[in-house]
Amino acid sequence: GGGLVQAGGSLRLSCAASGRTFSINTMGWFRQAPGQEREFVAAITW
């Protein structure tokens, strides 16, 4: 779902899990810009 968008626009990201999905406790999103540390964006408890 990533891509190029102009300021003010919208995007919808998806993350599909496979394997032992029955064991999921939490899923989250982080982001990292060049030269920056990975930062927290959002999370949801299962």
All heavy atoms as atom14 arrays in JSON, in Angstrom:
{
  "sequence": "GGGLVQAGGSLRLSCAASGRTFSINTMGWFRQAPGQEREFVAAITW",
  "atom14_mask": [
    [1, 1, 1, 1, 0, 0, 0, 0, 0, 0, 0, 0, 0, 0],
    [1, 1, 1, 1, 0, 0, 0, 0, 0, 0, 0, 0, 0, 0],
    [1, 1, 1, 1, 0, 0, 0, 0, 0, 0, 0, 0, 0, 0],
    [1, 1, 1, 1, 1, 1, 1, 1, 0, 0, 0, 0, 0, 0],
    [1, 1, 1, 1, 1, 1, 1, 0, 0, 0, 0, 0, 0, 0],
    [1, 1, 1, 1, 1, 1, 1, 1, 1, 0, 0, 0, 0, 0],
    [1, 1, 1, 1, 1, 0, 0, 0, 0, 0, 0, 0, 0, 0],
    [1, 1, 1, 1, 0, 0, 0, 0, 0, 0, 0, 0, 0, 0],
    [1, 1, 1, 1, 0, 0, 0, 0, 0, 0, 0, 0, 0, 0],
    [1, 1, 1, 1, 1, 1, 0, 0, 0, 0, 0, 0, 0, 0],
    [1, 1, 1, 1, 1, 1, 1, 1, 0, 0, 0, 0, 0, 0],
    [1, 1, 1, 1, 1, 1, 1, 1, 1, 1, 1, 0, 0, 0],
    [1, 1, 1, 1, 1, 1, 1, 1, 0, 0, 0, 0, 0, 0],
    [1, 1, 1, 1, 1, 1, 0, 0, 0, 0, 0, 0, 0, 0],
    [1, 1, 1, 1, 1, 1, 0, 0, 0, 0, 0, 0, 0, 0],
    [1, 1, 1, 1, 1, 0, 0, 0, 0, 0, 0, 0, 0, 0],
    [1, 1, 1, 1, 1, 0, 0, 0, 0, 0, 0, 0, 0, 0],
    [1, 1, 1, 1, 1, 1, 0, 0, 0, 0, 0, 0, 0, 0],
    [1, 1, 1, 1, 0, 0, 0, 0, 0, 0, 0, 0, 0, 0],
    [1, 1, 1, 1, 1, 1, 1, 1, 1, 1, 1, 0, 0, 0],
    [1, 1, 1, 1, 1, 1, 1, 0, 0, 0, 0, 0, 0, 0],
    [1, 1, 1, 1, 1, 1, 1, 1, 1, 1, 1, 0, 0, 0],
    [1, 1, 1, 1, 1, 1, 0, 0, 0, 0, 0, 0, 0, 0],
    [1, 1, 1, 1, 1, 1, 1, 1, 0, 0, 0, 0, 0, 0],
    [1, 1, 1, 1, 1, 1, 1, 1, 0, 0, 0, 0, 0, 0],
    [1, 1, 1, 1, 1, 1, 1, 0, 0, 0, 0, 0, 0, 0],
    [1, 1, 1, 1, 1, 1, 1, 1, 0, 0, 0, 0, 0, 0],
    [1, 1, 1, 1, 0, 0, 0, 0, 0, 0, 0, 0, 0, 0],
    [1, 1, 1, 1, 1, 1, 1, 1, 1, 1, 1, 1, 1, 1],
    [1, 1, 1, 1, 1, 1, 1, 1, 1, 1, 1, 0, 0, 0],
    [1, 1, 1, 1, 1, 1, 1, 1, 1, 1, 1, 0, 0, 0],
    [1, 1, 1, 1, 1, 1, 1, 1, 1, 0, 0, 0, 0, 0],
    [1, 1, 1, 1, 1, 0, 0, 0, 0, 0, 0, 0, 0, 0],
    [1, 1, 1, 1, 1, 1, 1, 0, 0, 0, 0, 0, 0, 0],
    [1, 1, 1, 1, 0, 0, 0, 0, 0, 0, 0, 0, 0, 0],
    [1, 1, 1, 1, 1, 1, 1, 1, 1, 0, 0, 0, 0, 0],
    [1, 1, 1, 1, 1, 1, 1, 1, 1, 0, 0, 0, 0, 0],
    [1, 1, 1, 1, 1, 1, 1, 1, 1, 1, 1, 0, 0, 0],
    [1, 1, 1, 1, 1, 1, 1, 1, 1, 0, 0, 0, 0, 0],
    [1, 1, 1, 1, 1, 1, 1, 1, 1, 1, 1, 0, 0, 0],
    [1, 1, 1, 1, 1, 1, 1, 0, 0, 0, 0, 0, 0, 0],
    [1, 1, 1, 1, 1, 0, 0, 0, 0, 0, 0, 0, 0, 0],
    [1, 1, 1, 1, 1, 0, 0, 0, 0, 0, 0, 0, 0, 0],
    [1, 1, 1, 1, 1, 1, 1, 1, 0, 0, 0, 0, 0, 0],
    [1, 1, 1, 1, 1, 1, 1, 0, 0, 0, 0, 0, 0, 0],
    [1, 1, 1, 1, 1, 1, 1, 1, 1, 1, 1, 1, 1, 1]
  ],
  "atom14_positions": [
    [[0.77, -1.23, 0.0], [0.0, 0.0, 0.0], [0.81, 1.28, 0.0], [0.23, 2.37, -0.1], [0.0, 0.0, 0.0], [0.0, 0.0, 0.0], [0.0, 0.0, 0.0], [0.0, 0.0, 0.0], [0.0, 0.0, 0.0], [0.0, 0.0, 0.0], [0.0, 0.0, 0.0], [0.0, 0.0, 0.0], [0.0, 0.0, 0.0], [0.0, 0.0, 0.0]],
    [[2.12, 1.17, 0.11], [2.94, 2.37, 0.09], [2.99, 2.98, -1.29], [2.56, 2.39, -2.28], [0.0, 0.0, 0.0], [0.0, 0.0, 0.0], [0.0, 0.0, 0.0], [0.0, 0.0, 0.0], [0.0, 0.0, 0.0], [0.0, 0.0, 0.0], [0.0, 0.0, 0.0], [0.0, 0.0, 0.0], [0.0, 0.0, 0.0], [0.0, 0.0, 0.0]],
    [[3.51, 4.19, -1.36], [3.61, 4.87, -2.63], [3.92, 6.34, -2.46], [4.31, 6.79, -1.39], [0.0, 0.0, 0.0], [0.0, 0.0, 0.0], [0.0, 0.0, 0.0], [0.0, 0.0, 0.0], [0.0, 0.0, 0.0], [0.0, 0.0, 0.0], [0.0, 0.0, 0.0], [0.0, 0.0, 0.0], [0.0, 0.0, 0.0], [0.0, 0.0, 0.0]],
    [[3.73, 7.07, -3.55], [3.99, 8.5, -3.59], [2.67, 9.25, -3.56], [1.76, 8.94, -4.34], [4.77, 8.86, -4.85], [5.03, 10.34, -5.12], [5.9, 10.94, -4.02], [5.69, 10.51, -6.49], [0.0, 0.0, 0.0], [0.0, 0.0, 0.0], [0.0, 0.0, 0.0], [0.0, 0.0, 0.0], [0.0, 0.0, 0.0], [0.0, 0.0, 0.0]],
    [[2.57, 10.22, -2.68], [1.34, 11.0, -2.55], [1.71, 12.44, -2.22], [2.73, 12.71, -1.6], [0.42, 10.39, -1.46], [1.09, 10.47, -0.09], [-0.93, 11.07, -1.44], [0.0, 0.0, 0.0], [0.0, 0.0, 0.0], [0.0, 0.0, 0.0], [0.0, 0.0, 0.0], [0.0, 0.0, 0.0], [0.0, 0.0, 0.0], [0.0, 0.0, 0.0]],
    [[0.88, 13.35, -2.66], [1.1, 14.76, -2.35], [0.65, 15.08, -0.93], [-0.21, 14.4, -0.36], [0.35, 15.66, -3.33], [0.94, 15.7, -4.72], [0.35, 16.81, -5.56], [-0.84, 17.1, -5.48], [1.19, 17.44, -6.37], [0.0, 0.0, 0.0], [0.0, 0.0, 0.0], [0.0, 0.0, 0.0], [0.0, 0.0, 0.0], [0.0, 0.0, 0.0]],
    [[1.24, 16.1, -0.37], [0.85, 16.55, 0.95], [-0.66, 16.8, 1.01], [-1.24, 17.38, 0.09], [1.6, 17.81, 1.34], [0.0, 0.0, 0.0], [0.0, 0.0, 0.0], [0.0, 0.0, 0.0], [0.0, 0.0, 0.0], [0.0, 0.0, 0.0], [0.0, 0.0, 0.0], [0.0, 0.0, 0.0], [0.0, 0.0, 0.0], [0.0, 0.0, 0.0]],
    [[-1.27, 16.33, 2.09], [-2.7, 16.44, 2.24], [-3.46, 15.22, 1.76], [-4.66, 15.1, 2.04], [0.0, 0.0, 0.0], [0.0, 0.0, 0.0], [0.0, 0.0, 0.0], [0.0, 0.0, 0.0], [0.0, 0.0, 0.0], [0.0, 0.0, 0.0], [0.0, 0.0, 0.0], [0.0, 0.0, 0.0], [0.0, 0.0, 0.0], [0.0, 0.0, 0.0]],
    [[-2.79, 14.33, 1.07], [-3.42, 13.14, 0.54], [-3.5, 12.02, 1.54], [-3.15, 12.17, 2.72], [0.0, 0.0, 0.0], [0.0, 0.0, 0.0], [0.0, 0.0, 0.0], [0.0, 0.0, 0.0], [0.0, 0.0, 0.0], [0.0, 0.0, 0.0], [0.0, 0.0, 0.0], [0.0, 0.0, 0.0], [0.0, 0.0, 0.0], [0.0, 0.0, 0.0]],
    [[-3.95, 10.86, 1.06], [-4.17, 9.71, 1.92], [-3.58, 8.44, 1.31], [-3.47, 8.32, 0.09], [-5.66, 9.48, 2.16], [-6.27, 10.6, 2.79], [0.0, 0.0, 0.0], [0.0, 0.0, 0.0], [0.0, 0.0, 0.0], [0.0, 0.0, 0.0], [0.0, 0.0, 0.0], [0.0, 0.0, 0.0], [0.0, 0.0, 0.0], [0.0, 0.0, 0.0]],
    [[-3.21, 7.52, 2.17], [-2.78, 6.19, 1.79], [-3.28, 5.2, 2.83], [-3.45, 5.55, 4.0], [-1.27, 6.08, 1.7], [-0.55, 6.66, 0.48], [0.96, 6.56, 0.68], [-0.96, 5.94, -0.79], [0.0, 0.0, 0.0], [0.0, 0.0, 0.0], [0.0, 0.0, 0.0], [0.0, 0.0, 0.0], [0.0, 0.0, 0.0], [0.0, 0.0, 0.0]],
    [[-3.49, 3.97, 2.39], [-3.89, 2.9, 3.29], [-2.88, 1.77, 3.17], [-2.73, 1.16, 2.11], [-5.28, 2.39, 2.95], [-5.81, 1.3, 3.89], [-7.22, 0.9, 3.5], [-7.75, -0.22, 4.27], [-8.35, -0.11, 5.44], [-8.51, 1.08, 6.0], [-8.82, -1.2, 6.05], [0.0, 0.0, 0.0], [0.0, 0.0, 0.0], [0.0, 0.0, 0.0]],
    [[-2.19, 1.5, 4.26], [-1.22, 0.43, 4.31], [-1.86, -0.84, 4.86], [-2.73, -0.77, 5.73], [-0.02, 0.8, 5.18], [0.72, 2.09, 4.84], [1.92, 2.26, 5.77], [1.14, 2.11, 3.38], [0.0, 0.0, 0.0], [0.0, 0.0, 0.0], [0.0, 0.0, 0.0], [0.0, 0.0, 0.0], [0.0, 0.0, 0.0], [0.0, 0.0, 0.0]],
    [[-1.41, -1.97, 4.35], [-1.87, -3.26, 4.84], [-0.67, -4.11, 5.21], [0.4, -4.0, 4.62], [-2.69, -3.99, 3.78], [-3.84, -3.25, 3.41], [0.0, 0.0, 0.0], [0.0, 0.0, 0.0], [0.0, 0.0, 0.0], [0.0, 0.0, 0.0], [0.0, 0.0, 0.0], [0.0, 0.0, 0.0], [0.0, 0.0, 0.0], [0.0, 0.0, 0.0]],
    [[-0.85, -4.96, 6.18], [0.17, -5.92, 6.57], [-0.5, -7.25, 6.82], [-1.31, -7.38, 7.74], [0.92, -5.45, 7.82], [2.18, -6.63, 8.39], [0.0, 0.0, 0.0], [0.0, 0.0, 0.0], [0.0, 0.0, 0.0], [0.0, 0.0, 0.0], [0.0, 0.0, 0.0], [0.0, 0.0, 0.0], [0.0, 0.0, 0.0], [0.0, 0.0, 0.0]],
    [[-0.17, -8.22, 5.99], [-0.76, -9.54, 6.08], [0.2, -10.49, 6.78], [1.35, -10.64, 6.36], [-1.11, -10.07, 4.69], [0.0, 0.0, 0.0], [0.0, 0.0, 0.0], [0.0, 0.0, 0.0], [0.0, 0.0, 0.0], [0.0, 0.0, 0.0], [0.0, 0.0, 0.0], [0.0, 0.0, 0.0], [0.0, 0.0, 0.0], [0.0, 0.0, 0.0]],
    [[-0.27, -11.13, 7.82], [0.52, -12.1, 8.56], [0.15, -13.51, 8.14], [-1.01, -13.81, 7.84], [0.3, -11.93, 10.07], [0.0, 0.0, 0.0], [0.0, 0.0, 0.0], [0.0, 0.0, 0.0], [0.0, 0.0, 0.0], [0.0, 0.0, 0.0], [0.0, 0.0, 0.0], [0.0, 0.0, 0.0], [0.0, 0.0, 0.0], [0.0, 0.0, 0.0]],
    [[1.14, -14.36, 8.1], [0.92, -15.77, 7.82], [1.78, -16.61, 8.75], [2.7, -16.11, 9.39], [1.23, -16.09, 6.35], [2.59, -15.81, 6.05], [0.0, 0.0, 0.0], [0.0, 0.0, 0.0], [0.0, 0.0, 0.0], [0.0, 0.0, 0.0], [0.0, 0.0, 0.0], [0.0, 0.0, 0.0], [0.0, 0.0, 0.0], [0.0, 0.0, 0.0]],
    [[1.48, -17.88, 8.81], [2.18, -18.76, 9.72], [1.36, -18.95, 10.99], [0.17, -19.25, 10.93], [0.0, 0.0, 0.0], [0.0, 0.0, 0.0], [0.0, 0.0, 0.0], [0.0, 0.0, 0.0], [0.0, 0.0, 0.0], [0.0, 0.0, 0.0], [0.0, 0.0, 0.0], [0.0, 0.0, 0.0], [0.0, 0.0, 0.0], [0.0, 0.0, 0.0]],
    [[2.01, -18.75, 12.12], [1.35, -18.94, 13.41], [0.54, -17.7, 13.82], [0.79, -17.09, 14.86], [2.39, -19.29, 14.47], [3.12, -20.61, 14.21], [4.29, -20.8, 15.16], [3.87, -20.87, 16.55], [3.53, -21.98, 17.2], [3.56, -23.15, 16.57], [3.17, -21.93, 18.47], [0.0, 0.0, 0.0], [0.0, 0.0, 0.0], [0.0, 0.0, 0.0]],
    [[-0.42, -17.34, 12.98], [-1.2, -16.12, 13.23], [-2.08, -16.25, 14.47], [-2.48, -15.23, 15.04], [-2.05, -15.77, 12.01], [-2.91, -16.87, 11.7], [-1.18, -15.44, 10.82], [0.0, 0.0, 0.0], [0.0, 0.0, 0.0], [0.0, 0.0, 0.0], [0.0, 0.0, 0.0], [0.0, 0.0, 0.0], [0.0, 0.0, 0.0], [0.0, 0.0, 0.0]],
    [[-2.36, -17.45, 14.87], [-3.18, -17.66, 16.06], [-2.46, -17.22, 17.34], [-3.09, -17.1, 18.39], [-3.59, -19.13, 16.18], [-2.44, -20.1, 16.12], [-1.7, -20.39, 17.25], [-2.1, -20.7, 14.92], [-0.64, -21.27, 17.19], [-1.04, -21.59, 14.85], [-0.3, -21.87, 15.99], [0.0, 0.0, 0.0], [0.0, 0.0, 0.0], [0.0, 0.0, 0.0]],
    [[-1.17, -17.02, 17.24], [-0.37, -16.64, 18.4], [-0.17, -15.12, 18.53], [0.55, -14.68, 19.43], [0.99, -17.32, 18.36], [1.78, -16.85, 17.29], [0.0, 0.0, 0.0], [0.0, 0.0, 0.0], [0.0, 0.0, 0.0], [0.0, 0.0, 0.0], [0.0, 0.0, 0.0], [0.0, 0.0, 0.0], [0.0, 0.0, 0.0], [0.0, 0.0, 0.0]],
    [[-0.79, -14.33, 17.68], [-0.57, -12.88, 17.69], [-1.14, -12.25, 18.95], [-2.29, -12.47, 19.3], [-1.19, -12.22, 16.44], [-0.47, -12.69, 15.18], [-1.12, -10.7, 16.55], [-1.11, -12.22, 13.89], [0.0, 0.0, 0.0], [0.0, 0.0, 0.0], [0.0, 0.0, 0.0], [0.0, 0.0, 0.0], [0.0, 0.0, 0.0], [0.0, 0.0, 0.0]],
    [[-0.31, -11.46, 19.59], [-0.72, -10.69, 20.75], [-0.94, -9.22, 20.39], [-1.91, -8.61, 20.82], [0.35, -10.81, 21.84], [0.06, -9.92, 23.04], [0.56, -8.79, 23.11], [-0.73, -10.44, 23.97], [0.0, 0.0, 0.0], [0.0, 0.0, 0.0], [0.0, 0.0, 0.0], [0.0, 0.0, 0.0], [0.0, 0.0, 0.0], [0.0, 0.0, 0.0]],
    [[-0.02, -8.66, 19.6], [-0.09, -7.26, 19.21], [0.46, -7.1, 17.8], [1.41, -7.78, 17.42], [0.75, -6.38, 20.16], [0.35, -6.61, 21.51], [0.58, -4.9, 19.83], [0.0, 0.0, 0.0], [0.0, 0.0, 0.0], [0.0, 0.0, 0.0], [0.0, 0.0, 0.0], [0.0, 0.0, 0.0], [0.0, 0.0, 0.0], [0.0, 0.0, 0.0]],
    [[-0.14, -6.21, 17.02], [0.43, -5.81, 15.74], [0.6, -4.3, 15.75], [-0.26, -3.58, 16.24], [-0.43, -6.25, 14.57], [-0.45, -7.76, 14.38], [-1.26, -8.31, 12.84], [-0.01, -7.83, 11.61], [0.0, 0.0, 0.0], [0.0, 0.0, 0.0], [0.0, 0.0, 0.0], [0.0, 0.0, 0.0], [0.0, 0.0, 0.0], [0.0, 0.0, 0.0]],
    [[1.72, -3.86, 15.21], [2.02, -2.45, 15.23], [2.68, -1.96, 13.97], [3.09, -2.75, 13.11], [0.0, 0.0, 0.0], [0.0, 0.0, 0.0], [0.0, 0.0, 0.0], [0.0, 0.0, 0.0], [0.0, 0.0, 0.0], [0.0, 0.0, 0.0], [0.0, 0.0, 0.0], [0.0, 0.0, 0.0], [0.0, 0.0, 0.0], [0.0, 0.0, 0.0]],
    [[2.77, -0.65, 13.87], [3.44, 0.03, 12.77], [4.52, 0.93, 13.31], [4.3, 1.68, 14.27], [2.46, 0.87, 11.94], [1.51, 0.08, 11.11], [0.24, -0.27, 11.42], [1.76, -0.45, 9.81], [-0.34, -0.98, 10.4], [0.58, -1.11, 9.4], [2.86, -0.44, 8.94], [0.47, -1.75, 8.16], [2.75, -1.07, 7.72], [1.57, -1.72, 7.35]],
    [[5.68, 0.86, 12.69], [6.79, 1.76, 12.96], [7.25, 2.36, 11.64], [6.94, 1.84, 10.57], [7.94, 1.01, 13.63], [7.65, 0.58, 15.04], [6.83, -0.51, 15.29], [8.21, 1.25, 16.12], [6.56, -0.92, 16.58], [7.95, 0.85, 17.42], [7.12, -0.23, 17.65], [0.0, 0.0, 0.0], [0.0, 0.0, 0.0], [0.0, 0.0, 0.0]],
    [[8.01, 3.44, 11.72], [8.55, 4.03, 10.51], [9.96, 4.51, 10.74], [10.36, 4.82, 11.87], [7.67, 5.19, 10.01], [7.62, 6.39, 10.94], [6.58, 7.39, 10.45], [6.55, 8.6, 11.25], [5.67, 9.58, 11.11], [4.72, 9.49, 10.18], [5.72, 10.65, 11.9], [0.0, 0.0, 0.0], [0.0, 0.0, 0.0], [0.0, 0.0, 0.0]],
    [[10.71, 4.58, 9.66], [12.1, 4.99, 9.75], [12.49, 5.79, 8.52], [12.39, 5.3, 7.39], [13.02, 3.77, 9.89], [14.46, 4.12, 10.19], [15.25, 2.91, 10.63], [14.89, 1.77, 10.34], [16.33, 3.14, 11.35], [0.0, 0.0, 0.0], [0.0, 0.0, 0.0], [0.0, 0.0, 0.0], [0.0, 0.0, 0.0], [0.0, 0.0, 0.0]],
    [[12.9, 7.02, 8.74], [13.4, 7.89, 7.69], [14.92, 7.75, 7.62], [15.56, 7.36, 8.61], [13.0, 9.33, 7.94], [0.0, 0.0, 0.0], [0.0, 0.0, 0.0], [0.0, 0.0, 0.0], [0.0, 0.0, 0.0], [0.0, 0.0, 0.0], [0.0, 0.0, 0.0], [0.0, 0.0, 0.0], [0.0, 0.0, 0.0], [0.0, 0.0, 0.0]],
    [[15.53, 8.07, 6.47], [16.99, 7.96, 6.36], [17.7, 8.76, 7.44], [17.38, 9.92, 7.68], [17.27, 8.53, 4.97], [16.01, 8.28, 4.21], [14.91, 8.47, 5.21], [0.0, 0.0, 0.0], [0.0, 0.0, 0.0], [0.0, 0.0, 0.0], [0.0, 0.0, 0.0], [0.0, 0.0, 0.0], [0.0, 0.0, 0.0], [0.0, 0.0, 0.0]],
    [[18.65, 8.13, 8.09], [19.42, 8.79, 9.13], [18.7, 8.92, 10.46], [19.27, 9.5, 11.39], [0.0, 0.0, 0.0], [0.0, 0.0, 0.0], [0.0, 0.0, 0.0], [0.0, 0.0, 0.0], [0.0, 0.0, 0.0], [0.0, 0.0, 0.0], [0.0, 0.0, 0.0], [0.0, 0.0, 0.0], [0.0, 0.0, 0.0], [0.0, 0.0, 0.0]],
    [[17.49, 8.4, 10.55], [16.71, 8.5, 11.77], [16.53, 7.13, 12.41], [16.66, 6.1, 11.74], [15.34, 9.11, 11.49], [15.36, 10.46, 10.81], [15.9, 11.55, 11.72], [15.69, 11.53, 12.93], [16.6, 12.51, 11.13], [0.0, 0.0, 0.0], [0.0, 0.0, 0.0], [0.0, 0.0, 0.0], [0.0, 0.0, 0.0], [0.0, 0.0, 0.0]],
    [[16.24, 7.13, 13.67], [15.95, 5.87, 14.34], [14.51, 5.46, 14.05], [13.67, 6.29, 13.69], [16.19, 5.99, 15.84], [15.22, 6.91, 16.57], [15.5, 6.97, 18.06], [16.64, 6.69, 18.47], [14.57, 7.29, 18.83], [0.0, 0.0, 0.0], [0.0, 0.0, 0.0], [0.0, 0.0, 0.0], [0.0, 0.0, 0.0], [0.0, 0.0, 0.0]],
    [[14.24, 4.19, 14.19], [12.9, 3.69, 13.97], [11.97, 4.22, 15.06], [12.27, 4.12, 16.24], [12.9, 2.17, 13.95], [11.61, 1.55, 13.49], [11.79, 0.07, 13.16], [12.74, -0.11, 12.07], [13.0, -1.29, 11.51], [12.37, -2.38, 11.93], [13.9, -1.36, 10.53], [0.0, 0.0, 0.0], [0.0, 0.0, 0.0], [0.0, 0.0, 0.0]],
    [[10.84, 4.78, 14.65], [9.93, 5.36, 15.61], [8.55, 4.71, 15.55], [8.09, 4.26, 14.51], [9.81, 6.88, 15.41], [9.08, 7.29, 14.15], [8.82, 8.79, 14.09], [9.1, 9.5, 15.08], [8.33, 9.26, 13.04], [0.0, 0.0, 0.0], [0.0, 0.0, 0.0], [0.0, 0.0, 0.0], [0.0, 0.0, 0.0], [0.0, 0.0, 0.0]],
    [[7.92, 4.71, 16.68], [6.59, 4.14, 16.82], [5.55, 4.99, 16.11], [5.6, 6.22, 16.16], [6.25, 4.01, 18.3], [4.83, 3.62, 18.57], [4.4, 2.33, 18.35], [3.93, 4.55, 19.06], [3.09, 1.96, 18.59], [2.62, 4.19, 19.32], [2.2, 2.89, 19.08], [0.0, 0.0, 0.0], [0.0, 0.0, 0.0], [0.0, 0.0, 0.0]],
    [[4.6, 4.34, 15.46], [3.49, 5.02, 14.79], [2.17, 4.67, 15.46], [1.46, 5.55, 15.95], [3.43, 4.67, 13.3], [2.22, 5.34, 12.64], [4.71, 5.1, 12.6], [0.0, 0.0, 0.0], [0.0, 0.0, 0.0], [0.0, 0.0, 0.0], [0.0, 0.0, 0.0], [0.0, 0.0, 0.0], [0.0, 0.0, 0.0], [0.0, 0.0, 0.0]],
    [[1.83, 3.4, 15.46], [0.55, 2.96, 16.01], [0.61, 1.47, 16.3], [1.42, 0.74, 15.73], [-0.61, 3.26, 15.05], [0.0, 0.0, 0.0], [0.0, 0.0, 0.0], [0.0, 0.0, 0.0], [0.0, 0.0, 0.0], [0.0, 0.0, 0.0], [0.0, 0.0, 0.0], [0.0, 0.0, 0.0], [0.0, 0.0, 0.0], [0.0, 0.0, 0.0]],
    [[-0.27, 1.01, 17.18], [-0.35, -0.4, 17.5], [-1.76, -0.75, 17.93], [-2.53, 0.13, 18.34], [0.65, -0.77, 18.6], [0.0, 0.0, 0.0], [0.0, 0.0, 0.0], [0.0, 0.0, 0.0], [0.0, 0.0, 0.0], [0.0, 0.0, 0.0], [0.0, 0.0, 0.0], [0.0, 0.0, 0.0], [0.0, 0.0, 0.0], [0.0, 0.0, 0.0]],
    [[-2.07, -2.03, 17.85], [-3.37, -2.52, 18.27], [-3.2, -3.87, 18.93], [-2.48, -4.73, 18.43], [-4.36, -2.57, 17.07], [-5.77, -2.93, 17.54], [-3.87, -3.54, 16.0], [-6.83, -2.67, 16.48], [0.0, 0.0, 0.0], [0.0, 0.0, 0.0], [0.0, 0.0, 0.0], [0.0, 0.0, 0.0], [0.0, 0.0, 0.0], [0.0, 0.0, 0.0]],
    [[-3.83, -4.05, 20.07], [-3.8, -5.34, 20.73], [-4.83, -6.25, 20.08], [-5.9, -5.81, 19.65], [-4.08, -5.22, 22.23], [-5.39, -4.65, 22.44], [-3.04, -4.34, 22.91], [0.0, 0.0, 0.0], [0.0, 0.0, 0.0], [0.0, 0.0, 0.0], [0.0, 0.0, 0.0], [0.0, 0.0, 0.0], [0.0, 0.0, 0.0], [0.0, 0.0, 0.0]],
    [[-4.48, -7.53, 19.98], [-5.3, -8.44, 19.19], [-6.61, -8.81, 19.85], [-7.66, -8.79, 19.23], [-4.49, -9.69, 18.85], [-4.7, -10.11, 17.44], [-5.14, -11.32, 17.0], [-4.49, -9.32, 16.28], [-5.23, -11.33, 15.65], [-4.83, -10.11, 15.16], [-4.04, -8.0, 16.07], [-4.75, -9.63, 13.86], [-3.97, -7.53, 14.78], [-4.32, -8.35, 13.69]]
  ]
}
